[in-house]
C-alpha cells in the first residue's frame, strides 16, 4: 500500500516577542498501515498519538521551531519512541520553548526520509524562521510548507528571527520551481497548489509582507 496523507488540526497558542495568540495548527501524518512520519507535533501529543495508532512512528519532522509547531514534540517523542528532528539554525528558537531538551537530530537541505516506500526531501527555506524547512514528496505531488508558503502568500516575517527578502527568495528558488500541480499543505489554514500561488510573487513583493 502506498503512503497516504492524514490531516489533524490541533489548537493552542503561539507566543513570541512577548505576545500570545490563539492558533489552529495543521499536523500532517504520512505513512501506511505499518509506519508513519509526523510533520509538526503541535499542541496535543495525545491526539497525534491516537491518529498514529499502532503504527511505528519513524520520526517527528519540525518545519521550524515556533512554539506552536513543537510544543507537543518532546511528549510525542517520548511516548512513541521517535526522534524529533529540526534544522540546526532553529535550535535557538527551540530552546525558548524547551530549554531542558534539545532535538534528537538535525534536518539538512537535501536530506531524505523514506516512509511507506515514499521519499520526502528536505528543502531549507529560511525567512519565516532561520531554520525553516519544507518537505517535498514528489511521488505524492505534495510539498509540506509549514509557515513558509500559504494560500495567498508567504508566512509572516514581522517578528524576531524572520526576514521578508529571505522568505521571498526561498519561495522563488525552492518552491515555485516545483511542478505547478504540486499540492501545498500548510502549517495553518487551507491548502493550495504551486500553480495557484506562483503568478502572485511580484504582488507579494510589492506588498512587502
N, C-alpha and C. Protein backbone atom coordinates (compact mmCIF):
# COMPACT_ATOMS: atom_id res chain seq x y z
N UNK A 1 0.85 -1.19 0.00
CA UNK A 1 0.00 0.00 0.00
C UNK A 1 0.89 1.25 0.00
N UNK A 2 0.59 2.19 -0.89
CA UNK A 2 1.37 3.43 -0.98
C UNK A 2 1.10 4.32 0.22
N UNK A 3 2.00 5.23 0.43
CA UNK A 3 1.84 6.17 1.54
C UNK A 3 0.60 7.04 1.32
N UNK A 4 -0.06 7.34 2.38
CA UNK A 4 -1.21 8.25 2.34
C UNK A 4 -0.93 9.41 3.29
N UNK A 5 -1.66 10.48 3.11
CA UNK A 5 -1.51 11.68 3.93
C UNK A 5 -2.75 11.84 4.79
N UNK A 6 -2.53 11.96 6.09
CA UNK A 6 -3.64 12.21 7.01
C UNK A 6 -3.45 13.58 7.65
N UNK A 7 -4.57 14.19 7.98
CA UNK A 7 -4.59 15.59 8.43
C UNK A 7 -5.28 15.68 9.78
N UNK A 8 -4.63 16.34 10.71
CA UNK A 8 -5.18 16.56 12.04
C UNK A 8 -5.03 18.05 12.36
N UNK A 9 -6.05 18.66 12.92
CA UNK A 9 -5.97 20.06 13.36
C UNK A 9 -5.96 20.08 14.88
N UNK A 10 -4.95 20.74 15.45
CA UNK A 10 -4.86 20.89 16.90
C UNK A 10 -4.85 22.37 17.24
N UNK A 11 -5.28 22.69 18.44
CA UNK A 11 -5.43 24.09 18.84
C UNK A 11 -4.61 24.40 20.09
N UNK A 12 -4.09 25.61 20.13
CA UNK A 12 -3.31 26.04 21.28
C UNK A 12 -2.94 27.50 21.13
N UNK A 13 -1.73 27.86 21.56
CA UNK A 13 -1.29 29.25 21.46
C UNK A 13 0.08 29.34 20.82
N UNK A 14 0.33 30.47 20.19
CA UNK A 14 1.64 30.83 19.65
C UNK A 14 2.14 32.02 20.43
N UNK A 15 3.37 31.94 20.92
CA UNK A 15 3.95 33.03 21.71
C UNK A 15 5.33 33.38 21.17
N UNK A 16 5.56 34.68 20.98
CA UNK A 16 6.87 35.18 20.56
C UNK A 16 6.91 36.69 20.80
N UNK A 17 8.07 37.17 21.17
CA UNK A 17 8.28 38.61 21.36
C UNK A 17 7.31 39.22 22.36
N UNK A 18 6.90 38.47 23.35
CA UNK A 18 6.05 38.98 24.41
C UNK A 18 4.57 38.92 24.15
N UNK A 19 4.17 38.45 22.98
CA UNK A 19 2.74 38.33 22.67
C UNK A 19 2.31 36.87 22.59
N UNK A 20 1.03 36.63 22.80
CA UNK A 20 0.47 35.28 22.70
C UNK A 20 -0.85 35.34 21.93
N UNK A 21 -1.02 34.40 21.00
CA UNK A 21 -2.20 34.36 20.15
C UNK A 21 -2.77 32.94 20.11
N UNK A 22 -4.09 32.82 20.04
CA UNK A 22 -4.72 31.52 19.84
C UNK A 22 -4.54 31.10 18.39
N UNK A 23 -4.18 29.83 18.17
CA UNK A 23 -3.94 29.35 16.82
C UNK A 23 -4.47 27.92 16.65
N UNK A 24 -4.84 27.61 15.41
CA UNK A 24 -5.10 26.23 14.99
C UNK A 24 -3.97 25.80 14.07
N UNK A 25 -3.42 24.64 14.31
CA UNK A 25 -2.29 24.14 13.53
C UNK A 25 -2.67 22.89 12.75
N UNK A 26 -2.11 22.77 11.56
CA UNK A 26 -2.22 21.54 10.78
C UNK A 26 -1.09 20.59 11.16
N UNK A 27 -1.45 19.39 11.54
CA UNK A 27 -0.48 18.32 11.76
C UNK A 27 -0.67 17.32 10.63
N UNK A 28 0.43 16.96 9.97
CA UNK A 28 0.37 16.05 8.83
C UNK A 28 1.04 14.73 9.19
N UNK A 29 0.38 13.64 8.84
CA UNK A 29 0.90 12.29 9.08
C UNK A 29 1.00 11.59 7.73
N UNK A 30 2.19 11.12 7.39
CA UNK A 30 2.43 10.42 6.14
C UNK A 30 2.81 8.99 6.46
N UNK A 31 2.16 8.02 5.82
CA UNK A 31 2.52 6.65 6.09
C UNK A 31 1.54 5.66 5.49
N UNK A 32 1.63 4.42 5.98
CA UNK A 32 0.68 3.38 5.59
C UNK A 32 0.15 2.74 6.86
N UNK A 33 -0.24 1.48 6.79
CA UNK A 33 -0.81 0.83 7.97
C UNK A 33 0.25 0.39 8.98
N UNK A 34 1.53 0.46 8.59
CA UNK A 34 2.59 -0.05 9.46
C UNK A 34 3.48 1.03 10.06
N UNK A 35 3.73 2.09 9.30
CA UNK A 35 4.69 3.10 9.75
C UNK A 35 4.24 4.48 9.32
N UNK A 36 4.76 5.49 10.01
CA UNK A 36 4.34 6.86 9.73
C UNK A 36 5.43 7.85 10.14
N UNK A 37 5.34 9.04 9.56
CA UNK A 37 6.13 10.20 9.96
C UNK A 37 5.14 11.32 10.27
N UNK A 38 5.41 12.06 11.34
CA UNK A 38 4.60 13.22 11.71
C UNK A 38 5.36 14.49 11.33
N UNK A 39 4.67 15.41 10.69
CA UNK A 39 5.22 16.74 10.43
C UNK A 39 4.55 17.73 11.37
N UNK A 40 5.34 18.29 12.27
CA UNK A 40 4.94 19.32 13.23
C UNK A 40 4.01 18.79 14.33
N UNK A 41 4.61 18.48 15.46
CA UNK A 41 3.86 17.97 16.62
C UNK A 41 3.32 19.17 17.41
N UNK A 42 2.13 19.60 17.03
CA UNK A 42 1.55 20.83 17.58
C UNK A 42 0.53 20.54 18.66
N UNK A 43 0.74 21.09 19.82
CA UNK A 43 -0.24 21.28 20.90
C UNK A 43 -0.70 20.03 21.65
N UNK A 44 -0.97 18.92 20.96
CA UNK A 44 -1.71 17.83 21.61
C UNK A 44 -1.08 16.48 21.26
N UNK A 45 -0.11 16.07 22.08
CA UNK A 45 0.58 14.81 21.81
C UNK A 45 -0.38 13.63 21.83
N UNK A 46 -1.36 13.65 22.72
CA UNK A 46 -2.31 12.55 22.82
C UNK A 46 -3.12 12.37 21.56
N UNK A 47 -3.62 13.49 21.01
CA UNK A 47 -4.42 13.42 19.78
C UNK A 47 -3.58 12.93 18.61
N UNK A 48 -2.33 13.37 18.54
CA UNK A 48 -1.45 12.93 17.45
C UNK A 48 -1.14 11.44 17.60
N UNK A 49 -0.87 11.02 18.82
CA UNK A 49 -0.57 9.62 19.07
C UNK A 49 -1.77 8.74 18.72
N UNK A 50 -2.96 9.23 19.03
CA UNK A 50 -4.17 8.48 18.69
C UNK A 50 -4.32 8.36 17.17
N UNK A 51 -3.99 9.41 16.46
CA UNK A 51 -4.07 9.37 15.00
C UNK A 51 -3.03 8.42 14.40
N UNK A 52 -1.86 8.37 15.01
CA UNK A 52 -0.82 7.44 14.54
C UNK A 52 -1.26 6.00 14.81
N UNK A 53 -1.95 5.79 15.92
CA UNK A 53 -2.45 4.47 16.25
C UNK A 53 -1.32 3.50 16.58
N UNK A 54 -1.46 2.27 16.11
CA UNK A 54 -0.47 1.25 16.41
C UNK A 54 0.73 1.23 15.48
N UNK A 55 0.82 2.21 14.59
CA UNK A 55 1.93 2.24 13.65
C UNK A 55 3.23 2.64 14.31
N UNK A 56 4.32 2.22 13.71
CA UNK A 56 5.64 2.66 14.19
C UNK A 56 5.87 4.08 13.70
N UNK A 57 6.16 4.99 14.63
CA UNK A 57 6.46 6.37 14.26
C UNK A 57 7.95 6.49 14.01
N UNK A 58 8.32 6.74 12.76
CA UNK A 58 9.74 6.77 12.39
C UNK A 58 10.42 8.05 12.84
N UNK A 59 9.71 9.17 12.76
CA UNK A 59 10.32 10.46 13.10
C UNK A 59 9.26 11.52 13.22
N UNK A 60 9.60 12.58 13.96
CA UNK A 60 8.80 13.80 14.06
C UNK A 60 9.63 14.89 13.40
N UNK A 61 9.20 15.34 12.24
CA UNK A 61 9.93 16.35 11.47
C UNK A 61 9.31 17.71 11.75
N UNK A 62 10.14 18.66 12.17
CA UNK A 62 9.66 20.00 12.55
C UNK A 62 10.01 20.98 11.44
N UNK A 63 8.99 21.62 10.85
CA UNK A 63 9.25 22.57 9.78
C UNK A 63 9.98 23.81 10.28
N UNK A 64 9.77 24.15 11.55
CA UNK A 64 10.52 25.24 12.20
C UNK A 64 10.20 25.16 13.69
N UNK A 65 10.80 26.06 14.47
CA UNK A 65 10.73 25.90 15.93
C UNK A 65 9.90 26.95 16.64
N UNK A 66 8.97 27.60 15.96
CA UNK A 66 7.99 28.39 16.72
C UNK A 66 7.22 27.46 17.64
N UNK A 67 6.90 27.95 18.82
CA UNK A 67 6.40 27.04 19.87
C UNK A 67 5.15 26.28 19.45
N UNK A 68 4.30 26.90 18.62
CA UNK A 68 3.05 26.21 18.26
C UNK A 68 3.29 25.01 17.33
N UNK A 69 4.48 24.89 16.78
CA UNK A 69 4.78 23.74 15.92
C UNK A 69 5.57 22.65 16.64
N UNK A 70 6.08 22.95 17.83
CA UNK A 70 6.94 21.99 18.53
C UNK A 70 6.54 21.75 19.97
N UNK A 71 5.46 22.40 20.45
CA UNK A 71 5.19 22.33 21.90
C UNK A 71 4.88 20.91 22.37
N UNK A 72 4.30 20.07 21.48
CA UNK A 72 3.99 18.69 21.87
C UNK A 72 5.07 17.70 21.46
N UNK A 73 6.14 18.17 20.83
CA UNK A 73 7.14 17.26 20.26
C UNK A 73 7.84 16.39 21.30
N UNK A 74 8.35 16.95 22.41
CA UNK A 74 9.03 16.08 23.36
C UNK A 74 8.14 14.99 23.94
N UNK A 75 6.90 15.33 24.27
CA UNK A 75 5.99 14.31 24.82
C UNK A 75 5.69 13.25 23.78
N UNK A 76 5.42 13.66 22.55
CA UNK A 76 5.15 12.68 21.49
C UNK A 76 6.37 11.80 21.26
N UNK A 77 7.55 12.40 21.25
CA UNK A 77 8.77 11.63 21.03
C UNK A 77 8.96 10.57 22.11
N UNK A 78 8.69 10.96 23.36
CA UNK A 78 8.87 10.02 24.46
C UNK A 78 7.85 8.90 24.40
N UNK A 79 6.61 9.25 24.14
CA UNK A 79 5.54 8.24 24.15
C UNK A 79 5.61 7.31 22.95
N UNK A 80 6.11 7.81 21.83
CA UNK A 80 6.17 7.00 20.62
C UNK A 80 7.57 6.45 20.34
N UNK A 81 8.54 6.80 21.17
CA UNK A 81 9.93 6.37 20.98
C UNK A 81 10.43 6.74 19.58
N UNK A 82 10.20 8.01 19.22
CA UNK A 82 10.59 8.51 17.89
C UNK A 82 11.44 9.77 18.06
N UNK A 83 12.40 9.99 17.17
CA UNK A 83 13.24 11.19 17.28
C UNK A 83 12.55 12.44 16.75
N UNK A 84 12.85 13.57 17.40
CA UNK A 84 12.43 14.89 16.89
C UNK A 84 13.60 15.49 16.12
N UNK A 85 13.34 15.90 14.89
CA UNK A 85 14.40 16.43 14.04
C UNK A 85 14.06 17.86 13.63
N UNK A 86 15.09 18.72 13.61
CA UNK A 86 14.91 20.15 13.36
C UNK A 86 16.18 20.69 12.73
N UNK A 87 16.02 21.63 11.80
CA UNK A 87 17.20 22.28 11.22
C UNK A 87 17.97 23.03 12.32
N UNK A 88 19.29 22.89 12.36
CA UNK A 88 20.05 23.48 13.47
C UNK A 88 19.96 25.00 13.57
N UNK A 89 19.65 25.69 12.48
CA UNK A 89 19.52 27.14 12.55
C UNK A 89 18.34 27.57 13.42
N UNK A 90 17.43 26.64 13.71
CA UNK A 90 16.28 26.95 14.56
C UNK A 90 16.44 26.45 15.99
N UNK A 91 17.59 25.90 16.33
CA UNK A 91 17.77 25.43 17.70
C UNK A 91 17.66 26.56 18.73
N UNK A 92 18.14 27.80 18.43
CA UNK A 92 17.92 28.89 19.41
C UNK A 92 16.44 29.15 19.69
N UNK A 93 15.60 29.07 18.64
CA UNK A 93 14.15 29.22 18.84
C UNK A 93 13.59 28.06 19.66
N UNK A 94 14.04 26.85 19.34
CA UNK A 94 13.59 25.66 20.09
C UNK A 94 13.84 25.85 21.58
N UNK A 95 15.01 26.36 21.93
CA UNK A 95 15.40 26.48 23.34
C UNK A 95 14.51 27.46 24.10
N UNK A 96 13.82 28.36 23.38
CA UNK A 96 12.88 29.25 24.05
C UNK A 96 11.69 28.47 24.61
N UNK A 97 11.33 27.37 23.95
CA UNK A 97 10.19 26.56 24.38
C UNK A 97 10.62 25.38 25.23
N UNK A 98 11.72 24.74 24.85
CA UNK A 98 12.18 23.53 25.54
C UNK A 98 13.65 23.69 25.95
N UNK A 99 13.92 24.53 26.94
CA UNK A 99 15.32 24.80 27.30
C UNK A 99 16.06 23.58 27.87
N UNK A 100 15.31 22.62 28.39
CA UNK A 100 15.96 21.48 29.04
C UNK A 100 16.13 20.28 28.11
N UNK A 101 15.61 20.36 26.89
CA UNK A 101 15.67 19.20 25.99
C UNK A 101 15.92 19.63 24.56
N UNK A 102 17.03 19.21 24.01
CA UNK A 102 17.34 19.52 22.63
C UNK A 102 16.62 18.56 21.69
N UNK A 103 16.47 18.93 20.40
CA UNK A 103 16.01 17.94 19.42
C UNK A 103 16.95 16.74 19.40
N UNK A 104 16.47 15.64 18.83
CA UNK A 104 17.27 14.42 18.80
C UNK A 104 18.22 14.38 17.61
N UNK A 105 18.00 15.25 16.63
CA UNK A 105 18.86 15.26 15.46
C UNK A 105 18.54 16.44 14.57
N UNK A 106 19.33 16.56 13.51
CA UNK A 106 19.24 17.71 12.62
C UNK A 106 18.55 17.37 11.31
N UNK A 107 17.89 18.36 10.74
CA UNK A 107 17.41 18.30 9.36
C UNK A 107 18.36 19.15 8.51
N UNK A 108 18.78 18.62 7.37
CA UNK A 108 19.66 19.35 6.48
C UNK A 108 19.11 19.41 5.08
N UNK A 109 19.42 20.48 4.36
CA UNK A 109 18.94 20.64 3.00
C UNK A 109 19.35 19.44 2.15
N UNK A 110 18.40 18.86 1.43
CA UNK A 110 18.67 17.71 0.58
C UNK A 110 18.57 16.37 1.27
N UNK A 111 18.42 16.38 2.58
CA UNK A 111 18.26 15.13 3.32
C UNK A 111 16.96 14.45 2.91
N UNK A 112 16.95 13.12 2.89
CA UNK A 112 15.74 12.40 2.50
C UNK A 112 15.31 11.44 3.59
N UNK A 113 14.01 11.21 3.64
CA UNK A 113 13.40 10.23 4.54
C UNK A 113 12.46 9.38 3.71
N UNK A 114 12.42 8.10 4.01
CA UNK A 114 11.51 7.20 3.31
C UNK A 114 10.51 6.62 4.30
N UNK A 115 9.23 6.76 3.97
CA UNK A 115 8.17 6.19 4.80
C UNK A 115 7.18 5.52 3.86
N UNK A 116 6.85 4.29 4.14
CA UNK A 116 5.91 3.54 3.31
C UNK A 116 6.30 3.58 1.84
N UNK A 117 7.61 3.49 1.58
CA UNK A 117 8.11 3.49 0.21
C UNK A 117 8.08 4.83 -0.48
N UNK A 118 7.76 5.89 0.24
CA UNK A 118 7.65 7.23 -0.33
C UNK A 118 8.73 8.13 0.24
N UNK A 119 9.42 8.84 -0.64
CA UNK A 119 10.55 9.67 -0.22
C UNK A 119 10.12 11.11 0.04
N UNK A 120 10.60 11.65 1.15
CA UNK A 120 10.45 13.06 1.48
C UNK A 120 11.82 13.71 1.43
N UNK A 121 11.92 14.84 0.75
CA UNK A 121 13.19 15.57 0.66
C UNK A 121 13.07 16.89 1.41
N UNK A 122 14.09 17.17 2.21
CA UNK A 122 14.13 18.41 2.99
C UNK A 122 14.60 19.55 2.10
N UNK A 123 13.83 20.64 2.07
CA UNK A 123 14.21 21.87 1.39
C UNK A 123 14.38 22.96 2.44
N UNK A 124 15.59 23.46 2.62
CA UNK A 124 15.80 24.55 3.58
C UNK A 124 15.25 25.83 2.98
N UNK A 125 14.26 26.42 3.65
CA UNK A 125 13.56 27.60 3.13
C UNK A 125 13.50 28.68 4.21
N UNK A 126 14.63 29.28 4.57
CA UNK A 126 14.63 30.29 5.64
C UNK A 126 13.82 31.51 5.26
N UNK A 127 13.46 32.27 6.30
CA UNK A 127 12.72 33.52 6.11
C UNK A 127 11.71 33.71 7.21
N UNK A 128 10.75 32.78 7.32
CA UNK A 128 9.81 32.82 8.45
C UNK A 128 10.57 32.53 9.74
N UNK A 129 11.54 31.65 9.64
CA UNK A 129 12.48 31.36 10.71
C UNK A 129 13.78 30.93 10.05
N UNK A 130 14.92 31.08 10.72
CA UNK A 130 16.20 30.78 10.06
C UNK A 130 16.34 29.33 9.61
N UNK A 131 15.76 28.42 10.40
CA UNK A 131 15.87 27.00 10.09
C UNK A 131 14.61 26.42 9.49
N UNK A 132 13.76 27.25 8.94
CA UNK A 132 12.51 26.73 8.35
C UNK A 132 12.83 25.80 7.19
N UNK A 133 12.09 24.70 7.12
CA UNK A 133 12.22 23.77 6.02
C UNK A 133 10.85 23.42 5.46
N UNK A 134 10.84 22.98 4.21
CA UNK A 134 9.67 22.36 3.60
C UNK A 134 10.05 20.92 3.29
N UNK A 135 9.06 20.07 3.16
CA UNK A 135 9.28 18.65 2.90
C UNK A 135 8.52 18.28 1.64
N UNK A 136 9.29 17.86 0.62
CA UNK A 136 8.74 17.63 -0.71
C UNK A 136 8.64 16.12 -0.98
N UNK A 137 7.44 15.68 -1.34
CA UNK A 137 7.20 14.28 -1.68
C UNK A 137 6.77 14.22 -3.14
N UNK A 138 7.72 14.09 -4.08
CA UNK A 138 7.34 14.11 -5.49
C UNK A 138 6.37 13.01 -5.88
N UNK A 139 6.49 11.84 -5.27
CA UNK A 139 5.59 10.73 -5.62
C UNK A 139 4.14 11.02 -5.24
N UNK A 140 3.96 11.91 -4.28
CA UNK A 140 2.62 12.32 -3.86
C UNK A 140 2.22 13.66 -4.46
N UNK A 141 3.13 14.25 -5.28
CA UNK A 141 2.91 15.58 -5.86
C UNK A 141 2.51 16.58 -4.78
N UNK A 142 3.26 16.56 -3.67
CA UNK A 142 2.89 17.34 -2.49
C UNK A 142 4.15 17.94 -1.85
N UNK A 143 4.03 19.19 -1.39
CA UNK A 143 5.06 19.78 -0.56
C UNK A 143 4.41 20.30 0.72
N UNK A 144 5.01 19.97 1.84
CA UNK A 144 4.55 20.43 3.15
C UNK A 144 5.37 21.67 3.50
N UNK A 145 4.71 22.82 3.58
CA UNK A 145 5.44 24.09 3.63
C UNK A 145 5.50 24.73 5.01
N UNK A 146 4.94 24.10 6.03
CA UNK A 146 4.97 24.75 7.34
C UNK A 146 4.39 26.14 7.24
N UNK A 147 5.15 27.14 7.72
CA UNK A 147 4.68 28.52 7.65
C UNK A 147 5.46 29.33 6.62
N UNK A 148 6.08 28.65 5.64
CA UNK A 148 6.82 29.37 4.60
C UNK A 148 5.91 29.89 3.51
N UNK A 149 4.98 29.05 3.03
CA UNK A 149 4.07 29.47 1.97
C UNK A 149 2.65 29.04 2.32
N UNK A 150 1.73 29.98 2.21
CA UNK A 150 0.31 29.73 2.47
C UNK A 150 -0.51 30.00 1.22
N UNK A 151 -1.78 29.67 1.29
CA UNK A 151 -2.71 30.12 0.26
C UNK A 151 -2.78 31.64 0.37
N UNK A 152 -2.27 32.32 -0.64
CA UNK A 152 -2.31 33.78 -0.64
C UNK A 152 -1.01 34.47 -0.29
N UNK A 153 0.05 33.72 -0.04
CA UNK A 153 1.31 34.41 0.16
C UNK A 153 2.26 33.79 1.16
N UNK A 154 3.37 34.49 1.39
CA UNK A 154 4.40 33.99 2.30
C UNK A 154 3.93 34.02 3.75
N UNK A 155 4.62 33.24 4.58
CA UNK A 155 4.41 33.31 6.01
C UNK A 155 4.86 34.65 6.57
N UNK A 156 4.44 34.93 7.80
CA UNK A 156 4.73 36.21 8.44
C UNK A 156 6.23 36.39 8.67
N UNK A 157 6.69 37.63 8.55
CA UNK A 157 8.10 37.94 8.79
C UNK A 157 8.26 39.18 9.66
N UNK A 158 7.26 39.48 10.47
CA UNK A 158 7.31 40.71 11.24
C UNK A 158 7.88 40.55 12.65
N UNK A 159 8.32 39.34 13.00
CA UNK A 159 8.79 39.11 14.36
C UNK A 159 10.24 38.66 14.35
N UNK A 160 10.78 38.45 15.54
CA UNK A 160 12.18 38.07 15.68
C UNK A 160 12.51 36.83 14.87
N UNK A 161 13.74 36.77 14.41
CA UNK A 161 14.29 35.63 13.68
C UNK A 161 13.75 35.50 12.25
N UNK A 162 12.97 36.49 11.77
CA UNK A 162 12.37 36.36 10.44
C UNK A 162 12.84 37.50 9.53
N UNK A 163 12.69 37.28 8.19
CA UNK A 163 13.16 38.27 7.24
C UNK A 163 12.40 38.13 5.93
N UNK A 164 11.77 39.22 5.48
CA UNK A 164 10.92 39.15 4.28
C UNK A 164 11.71 38.87 3.01
N UNK A 165 12.81 39.59 2.70
CA UNK A 165 13.54 39.26 1.47
C UNK A 165 14.02 37.81 1.44
N UNK A 166 14.37 37.27 2.60
CA UNK A 166 14.85 35.89 2.65
C UNK A 166 13.73 34.91 2.32
N UNK A 167 12.54 35.13 2.87
CA UNK A 167 11.44 34.20 2.59
C UNK A 167 11.03 34.28 1.12
N UNK A 168 11.07 35.47 0.55
CA UNK A 168 10.73 35.61 -0.87
C UNK A 168 11.71 34.81 -1.74
N UNK A 169 12.99 34.90 -1.42
CA UNK A 169 13.98 34.14 -2.19
C UNK A 169 13.80 32.64 -2.00
N UNK A 170 13.48 32.22 -0.79
CA UNK A 170 13.23 30.80 -0.54
C UNK A 170 12.06 30.30 -1.38
N UNK A 171 10.97 31.08 -1.39
CA UNK A 171 9.79 30.67 -2.16
C UNK A 171 10.10 30.68 -3.65
N UNK A 172 10.78 31.72 -4.10
CA UNK A 172 11.08 31.85 -5.52
C UNK A 172 11.97 30.68 -6.01
N UNK A 173 13.01 30.38 -5.24
CA UNK A 173 14.03 29.45 -5.72
C UNK A 173 13.78 28.00 -5.35
N UNK A 174 13.05 27.76 -4.25
CA UNK A 174 12.91 26.39 -3.76
C UNK A 174 11.52 25.82 -3.95
N UNK A 175 10.50 26.69 -3.99
CA UNK A 175 9.12 26.20 -4.06
C UNK A 175 8.47 26.45 -5.41
N UNK A 176 8.58 27.66 -5.93
CA UNK A 176 7.91 27.96 -7.20
C UNK A 176 8.56 27.27 -8.38
N UNK A 177 9.70 26.64 -8.15
CA UNK A 177 10.35 25.83 -9.18
C UNK A 177 9.79 24.41 -9.24
N UNK A 178 8.95 24.05 -8.28
CA UNK A 178 8.33 22.72 -8.28
C UNK A 178 7.22 22.69 -9.34
N UNK A 179 6.80 21.49 -9.76
CA UNK A 179 5.74 21.40 -10.77
C UNK A 179 4.48 22.14 -10.31
N UNK A 180 3.79 22.82 -11.23
CA UNK A 180 2.64 23.65 -10.83
C UNK A 180 1.51 22.87 -10.19
N UNK A 181 1.39 21.58 -10.51
CA UNK A 181 0.31 20.78 -9.92
C UNK A 181 0.62 20.34 -8.49
N UNK A 182 1.80 20.66 -7.99
CA UNK A 182 2.18 20.23 -6.64
C UNK A 182 1.25 20.82 -5.60
N UNK A 183 0.67 19.96 -4.77
CA UNK A 183 -0.19 20.43 -3.67
C UNK A 183 0.68 21.04 -2.58
N UNK A 184 0.24 22.14 -2.02
CA UNK A 184 0.92 22.84 -0.93
C UNK A 184 0.09 22.63 0.34
N UNK A 185 0.63 21.81 1.24
CA UNK A 185 -0.05 21.55 2.51
C UNK A 185 0.66 22.36 3.59
N UNK A 186 -0.08 23.26 4.20
CA UNK A 186 0.48 24.34 5.00
C UNK A 186 0.41 24.05 6.50
N UNK A 187 1.07 24.91 7.27
CA UNK A 187 1.08 24.76 8.72
C UNK A 187 -0.19 25.24 9.40
N UNK A 188 -0.91 26.12 8.73
CA UNK A 188 -2.19 26.64 9.22
C UNK A 188 -3.10 26.85 8.02
N UNK A 189 -4.39 26.69 8.20
CA UNK A 189 -5.34 27.08 7.16
C UNK A 189 -5.42 26.11 6.01
N UNK A 190 -5.93 26.63 4.88
CA UNK A 190 -6.27 25.80 3.73
C UNK A 190 -5.06 25.50 2.86
N UNK A 191 -5.18 24.41 2.12
CA UNK A 191 -4.14 24.02 1.18
C UNK A 191 -4.28 24.81 -0.12
N UNK A 192 -3.24 24.72 -0.96
CA UNK A 192 -3.26 25.38 -2.25
C UNK A 192 -2.38 24.56 -3.19
N UNK A 193 -1.98 25.14 -4.32
CA UNK A 193 -1.03 24.49 -5.21
C UNK A 193 0.05 25.48 -5.62
N UNK A 194 1.18 24.96 -6.07
CA UNK A 194 2.24 25.83 -6.56
C UNK A 194 1.73 26.67 -7.73
N UNK A 195 0.96 26.05 -8.63
CA UNK A 195 0.45 26.77 -9.79
C UNK A 195 -0.48 27.91 -9.44
N UNK A 196 -1.24 27.74 -8.34
CA UNK A 196 -2.14 28.82 -7.92
C UNK A 196 -1.38 29.98 -7.29
N UNK A 197 -0.25 29.72 -6.66
CA UNK A 197 0.47 30.77 -5.95
C UNK A 197 1.53 31.46 -6.81
N UNK A 198 2.13 30.72 -7.74
CA UNK A 198 3.27 31.26 -8.50
C UNK A 198 3.00 32.58 -9.20
N UNK A 199 1.82 32.80 -9.79
CA UNK A 199 1.62 34.07 -10.52
C UNK A 199 1.62 35.31 -9.63
N UNK A 200 1.56 35.13 -8.32
CA UNK A 200 1.36 36.27 -7.43
C UNK A 200 2.63 36.75 -6.74
N UNK A 201 3.78 36.17 -7.10
CA UNK A 201 5.02 36.51 -6.40
C UNK A 201 5.31 38.01 -6.42
N UNK A 202 5.18 38.63 -7.57
CA UNK A 202 5.50 40.06 -7.66
C UNK A 202 4.52 40.90 -6.85
N UNK A 203 3.27 40.47 -6.75
CA UNK A 203 2.32 41.19 -5.90
C UNK A 203 2.76 41.15 -4.45
N UNK A 204 3.22 39.97 -3.99
CA UNK A 204 3.65 39.85 -2.59
C UNK A 204 4.85 40.76 -2.34
N UNK A 205 5.76 40.80 -3.29
CA UNK A 205 6.93 41.66 -3.12
C UNK A 205 6.51 43.11 -3.05
N UNK A 206 5.56 43.50 -3.89
CA UNK A 206 5.09 44.89 -3.89
C UNK A 206 4.41 45.24 -2.57
N UNK A 207 3.69 44.25 -1.98
CA UNK A 207 3.05 44.50 -0.69
C UNK A 207 4.08 44.53 0.44
N UNK A 208 5.17 43.80 0.24
CA UNK A 208 6.25 43.82 1.23
C UNK A 208 5.96 43.06 2.48
N UNK A 209 5.08 42.03 2.40
CA UNK A 209 4.82 41.18 3.57
C UNK A 209 4.38 39.82 3.09
